[in-house]
Amino acid sequence: MKRINCRKCEYYFVTWEANKPHGCKAYGFKSPQIPSLVVFQSSGSDCSMFKQKTMAK
């Protein structure tokens, strides 16, 4: 089973909060875990909001 890598998603961000270092702009939350794991644990489905980051040229 392949997991979604949030660090490659446009909606992922790193917070300044030590107890919640990972954030998701699409779902609007911060978490101590990678957002895709939180989404999977709460819904039983993989994240449907993943959007691959585009590289600047």
C-alpha atoms as a PDB file:
ATOM      1  CA  MET A   1       0.000   0.000   0.000  1.00  0.00           C
ATOM      2  CA  LYS A   2       1.512   3.335  -1.078  1.00  0.00           C
ATOM      3  CA  ARG A   3       1.017   6.330   1.210  1.00  0.00           C
ATOM      4  CA  ILE A   4       0.585   9.884   0.021  1.00  0.00           C
ATOM      5  CA  ASN A   5       3.654  12.045   0.622  1.00  0.00           C
ATOM      6  CA  CYS A   6       2.223  15.299   1.987  1.00  0.00           C
ATOM      7  CA  ARG A   7       5.562  17.060   1.586  1.00  0.00           C
ATOM      8  CA  LYS A   8       5.020  16.904  -2.177  1.00  0.00           C
ATOM      9  CA  CYS A   9       1.531  18.442  -1.940  1.00  0.00           C
ATOM     10  CA  GLU A  10       0.716  22.111  -2.580  1.00  0.00           C
ATOM     11  CA  TYR A  11      -1.517  22.203   0.521  1.00  0.00           C
ATOM     12  CA  TYR A  12       1.094  20.952   2.997  1.00  0.00           C
ATOM     13  CA  PHE A  13       2.864  23.419   5.265  1.00  0.00           C
ATOM     14  CA  VAL A  14       5.177  23.329   8.274  1.00  0.00           C
ATOM     15  CA  THR A  15       3.931  25.206  11.342  1.00  0.00           C
ATOM     16  CA  TRP A  16       5.833  26.936  14.131  1.00  0.00           C
ATOM     17  CA  GLU A  17       3.978  24.909  16.756  1.00  0.00           C
ATOM     18  CA  ALA A  18       6.207  22.267  18.347  1.00  0.00           C
ATOM     19  CA  ASN A  19       3.259  20.012  19.259  1.00  0.00           C
ATOM     20  CA  LYS A  20       1.597  20.370  15.812  1.00  0.00           C
ATOM     21  CA  PRO A  21       4.359  20.746  13.222  1.00  0.00           C
ATOM     22  CA  HIS A  22       2.373  19.582  10.149  1.00  0.00           C
ATOM     23  CA  GLY A  23      -0.488  21.436   8.493  1.00  0.00           C
ATOM     24  CA  CYS A  24      -2.926  21.031   5.626  1.00  0.00           C
ATOM     25  CA  LYS A  25      -4.413  24.093   3.929  1.00  0.00           C
ATOM     26  CA  ALA A  26      -6.977  22.008   2.006  1.00  0.00           C
ATOM     27  CA  TYR A  27      -8.564  20.519   5.125  1.00  0.00           C
ATOM     28  CA  GLY A  28      -7.630  23.404   7.416  1.00  0.00           C
ATOM     29  CA  PHE A  29      -5.905  21.655  10.307  1.00  0.00           C
ATOM     30  CA  LYS A  30      -2.558  21.265  12.073  1.00  0.00           C
ATOM     31  CA  SER A  31      -1.385  17.970  13.525  1.00  0.00           C
ATOM     32  CA  PRO A  32       1.516  16.167  15.183  1.00  0.00           C
ATOM     33  CA  GLN A  33       1.220  13.568  12.377  1.00  0.00           C
ATOM     34  CA  ILE A  34       1.511  13.911   8.607  1.00  0.00           C
ATOM     35  CA  PRO A  35      -1.924  15.093   7.370  1.00  0.00           C
ATOM     36  CA  SER A  36      -2.486  12.144   5.016  1.00  0.00           C
ATOM     37  CA  LEU A  37      -2.263   9.775   8.013  1.00  0.00           C
ATOM     38  CA  VAL A  38      -4.809  11.837   9.959  1.00  0.00           C
ATOM     39  CA  VAL A  39      -7.195  11.819   6.974  1.00  0.00           C
ATOM     40  CA  PHE A  40      -6.787   8.057   6.509  1.00  0.00           C
ATOM     41  CA  GLN A  41      -7.302   7.317  10.216  1.00  0.00           C
ATOM     42  CA  SER A  42     -10.427   9.457  10.467  1.00  0.00           C
ATOM     43  CA  SER A  43     -12.082   8.565   7.150  1.00  0.00           C
ATOM     44  CA  GLY A  44     -10.621   5.190   6.162  1.00  0.00           C
ATOM     45  CA  SER A  45      -9.787   6.636   2.724  1.00  0.00           C
ATOM     46  CA  ASP A  46      -6.680   8.157   1.211  1.00  0.00           C
ATOM     47  CA  CYS A  47      -6.569  11.944   0.938  1.00  0.00           C
ATOM     48  CA  SER A  48      -8.614  13.131  -2.054  1.00  0.00           C
ATOM     49  CA  MET A  49      -7.239  16.689  -1.942  1.00  0.00           C
ATOM     50  CA  PHE A  50      -3.608  15.827  -2.821  1.00  0.00           C
ATOM     51  CA  LYS A  51      -2.238  18.138  -5.498  1.00  0.00           C
ATOM     52  CA  GLN A  52       1.338  17.635  -6.704  1.00  0.00           C
ATOM     53  CA  LYS A  53       3.549  20.721  -6.214  1.00  0.00           C
ATOM     54  CA  THR A  54       4.668  22.350  -9.429  1.00  0.00           C
ATOM     55  CA  MET A  55       8.324  23.214  -9.695  1.00  0.00           C
ATOM     56  CA  ALA A  56       9.223  26.841 -10.428  1.00  0.00           C
ATOM     57  CA  LYS A  57      11.203  27.353 -13.614  1.00  0.00           C
END
